[in-house]
């Protein structure tokens, strides 16, 4: 159980009393508020180490994102082409699996395109995208 703290303000003498044992003047309270911790340098050092780790991870993430956005083509990807639907993708379609369509596995170049109007990225295994941007 916490002890009760009694705070009394005396306007004339500007003395504040906390829990009847300790009496502080305004100057003493200001001095206590301005006082720094003995372990402040350790705290700053730990914060700078933590900041360094955070920013290194974010820089690495940004480099990876830049690499992905600048990659325009991946050569010799394994793709599946349904002979009945004429659908090509990096994995077999669930619909083609359910309907037991015949599927050919082959290698193709995966190309990335960016729409000039909506700035979305699309993937195509053909020379140019076969479907319009939505």
Protein backbone atom coordinates (compact mmCIF):
# COMPACT_ATOMS: atom_id res chain seq x y z
CA UNK A 1 0.00 0.00 0.00
CA UNK A 2 1.36 3.41 -0.97
CA UNK A 3 1.71 6.05 1.74
CA UNK A 4 -0.53 9.04 1.34
CA UNK A 5 1.11 12.24 0.20
CA UNK A 6 -0.17 15.45 1.68
CA UNK A 7 0.54 18.53 -0.37
CA UNK A 8 0.08 21.87 1.35
CA UNK A 9 0.66 25.19 -0.38
CA UNK A 10 1.49 28.19 1.73
CA UNK A 11 1.26 31.31 -0.44
CA UNK A 12 3.06 33.63 1.97
CA UNK A 13 6.26 31.67 2.55
CA UNK A 14 6.30 29.72 -0.76
CA UNK A 15 7.14 26.51 1.08
CA UNK A 16 5.62 23.21 -0.02
CA UNK A 17 5.29 20.28 2.30
CA UNK A 18 5.24 16.69 1.00
CA UNK A 19 4.17 13.95 3.43
CA UNK A 20 5.00 15.96 6.58
CA UNK A 21 8.60 14.72 6.71
CA UNK A 22 10.27 16.77 3.99
CA UNK A 23 9.83 20.46 3.38
CA UNK A 24 11.11 21.98 0.11
CA UNK A 25 11.33 25.57 -1.01
CA UNK A 26 10.62 26.58 -4.60
CA UNK A 27 14.34 27.00 -5.29
CA UNK A 28 15.08 23.49 -4.02
CA UNK A 29 12.31 22.03 -6.19
CA UNK A 30 13.66 23.83 -9.26
CA UNK A 31 17.17 22.57 -8.46
CA UNK A 32 15.86 19.00 -8.20
CA UNK A 33 14.02 19.33 -11.51
CA UNK A 34 17.17 20.63 -13.26
CA UNK A 35 19.38 17.88 -11.83
CA UNK A 36 20.50 15.23 -14.34
CA UNK A 37 20.78 11.50 -13.80
CA UNK A 38 24.18 9.92 -13.20
CA UNK A 39 23.32 7.28 -15.83
CA UNK A 40 22.25 9.68 -18.57
CA UNK A 41 25.37 8.98 -20.66
CA UNK A 42 24.63 5.23 -20.55
CA UNK A 43 21.07 5.90 -21.64
CA UNK A 44 22.20 8.11 -24.53
CA UNK A 45 24.75 5.49 -25.63
CA UNK A 46 22.10 2.74 -25.55
CA UNK A 47 19.67 4.95 -27.50
CA UNK A 48 22.28 5.67 -30.17
CA UNK A 49 23.04 1.93 -30.54
CA UNK A 50 19.32 1.19 -30.85
CA UNK A 51 18.89 4.01 -33.41
CA UNK A 52 21.86 2.71 -35.39
CA UNK A 53 20.38 -0.80 -35.55
CA UNK A 54 16.99 0.59 -36.61
CA UNK A 55 18.40 2.83 -39.35
CA UNK A 56 20.69 0.08 -40.68
CA UNK A 57 17.71 -2.25 -40.99
CA UNK A 58 15.65 0.46 -42.71
CA UNK A 59 18.51 1.24 -45.14
CA UNK A 60 18.80 -2.43 -46.02
CA UNK A 61 15.04 -2.64 -46.56
CA UNK A 62 15.13 0.47 -48.78
CA UNK A 63 18.02 -0.96 -50.85
CA UNK A 64 16.02 -4.16 -51.36
CA UNK A 65 12.89 -2.19 -52.38
CA UNK A 66 14.97 -0.17 -54.86
CA UNK A 67 16.41 -3.38 -56.28
CA UNK A 68 12.91 -4.81 -56.75
CA UNK A 69 11.52 -1.66 -58.38
CA UNK A 70 14.52 -1.38 -60.73
CA UNK A 71 14.36 -5.04 -61.77
CA UNK A 72 12.63 -5.19 -65.13
CA UNK A 73 13.15 -8.84 -66.07
CA UNK A 74 13.89 -12.18 -64.42
CA UNK A 75 15.21 -14.78 -66.83
CA UNK A 76 14.27 -18.47 -67.02
CA UNK A 77 11.45 -18.65 -64.49
CA UNK A 78 9.48 -21.86 -64.24
CA UNK A 79 5.91 -21.25 -65.51
CA UNK A 80 2.83 -23.40 -66.03
CA UNK A 81 0.66 -23.09 -69.14
CA UNK A 82 -2.80 -24.64 -69.33
CA UNK A 83 -3.39 -25.94 -72.86
CA UNK A 84 -7.19 -25.66 -72.59
CA UNK A 85 -7.47 -22.21 -70.94
CA UNK A 86 -4.31 -20.81 -72.51
CA UNK A 87 -3.45 -19.43 -69.05
CA UNK A 88 0.20 -18.92 -68.05
CA UNK A 89 1.31 -18.30 -64.49
CA UNK A 90 4.09 -19.08 -62.02
CA UNK A 91 1.85 -21.76 -60.46
CA UNK A 92 -0.98 -23.90 -61.70
CA UNK A 93 -4.43 -22.32 -61.45
CA UNK A 94 -6.81 -23.77 -58.84
CA UNK A 95 -9.57 -23.92 -61.46
CA UNK A 96 -7.35 -25.91 -63.82
CA UNK A 97 -6.49 -28.28 -60.96
CA UNK A 98 -10.16 -28.85 -60.15
CA UNK A 99 -11.11 -29.44 -63.80
CA UNK A 100 -8.04 -31.67 -64.43
CA UNK A 101 -6.75 -29.62 -67.36
CA UNK A 102 -3.49 -30.63 -68.98
CA UNK A 103 -0.68 -28.32 -67.98
CA UNK A 104 2.76 -27.83 -69.52
CA UNK A 105 5.68 -26.67 -67.43
CA UNK A 106 8.27 -24.60 -69.25
CA UNK A 107 10.76 -21.76 -68.77
CA UNK A 108 9.98 -18.14 -69.59
CA UNK A 109 11.25 -14.65 -68.86
CA UNK A 110 9.25 -12.76 -66.24
CA UNK A 111 8.93 -9.10 -67.28
CA UNK A 112 7.69 -6.21 -65.18
CA UNK A 113 5.80 -3.24 -66.61
CA UNK A 114 4.55 -0.03 -65.02
CA UNK A 115 1.31 1.62 -66.17
CA UNK A 116 1.85 5.25 -67.15
CA UNK A 117 -1.60 6.28 -65.95
CA UNK A 118 -2.07 4.53 -62.61
CA UNK A 119 1.62 3.68 -61.92
CA UNK A 120 0.84 0.10 -60.95
CA UNK A 121 3.28 -2.67 -61.71
CA UNK A 122 2.16 -5.67 -63.71
CA UNK A 123 3.87 -8.95 -64.58
CA UNK A 124 3.91 -10.61 -67.99
CA UNK A 125 5.53 -13.77 -69.31
CA UNK A 126 5.06 -12.53 -72.89
CA UNK A 127 7.03 -9.85 -74.72
CA UNK A 128 4.34 -7.25 -73.81
CA UNK A 129 1.45 -7.38 -71.32
CA UNK A 130 -1.55 -9.26 -72.70
CA UNK A 131 -4.19 -7.79 -70.37
CA UNK A 132 -4.94 -4.08 -69.90
CA UNK A 133 -4.34 -2.34 -66.60
CA UNK A 134 -7.41 -2.12 -64.36
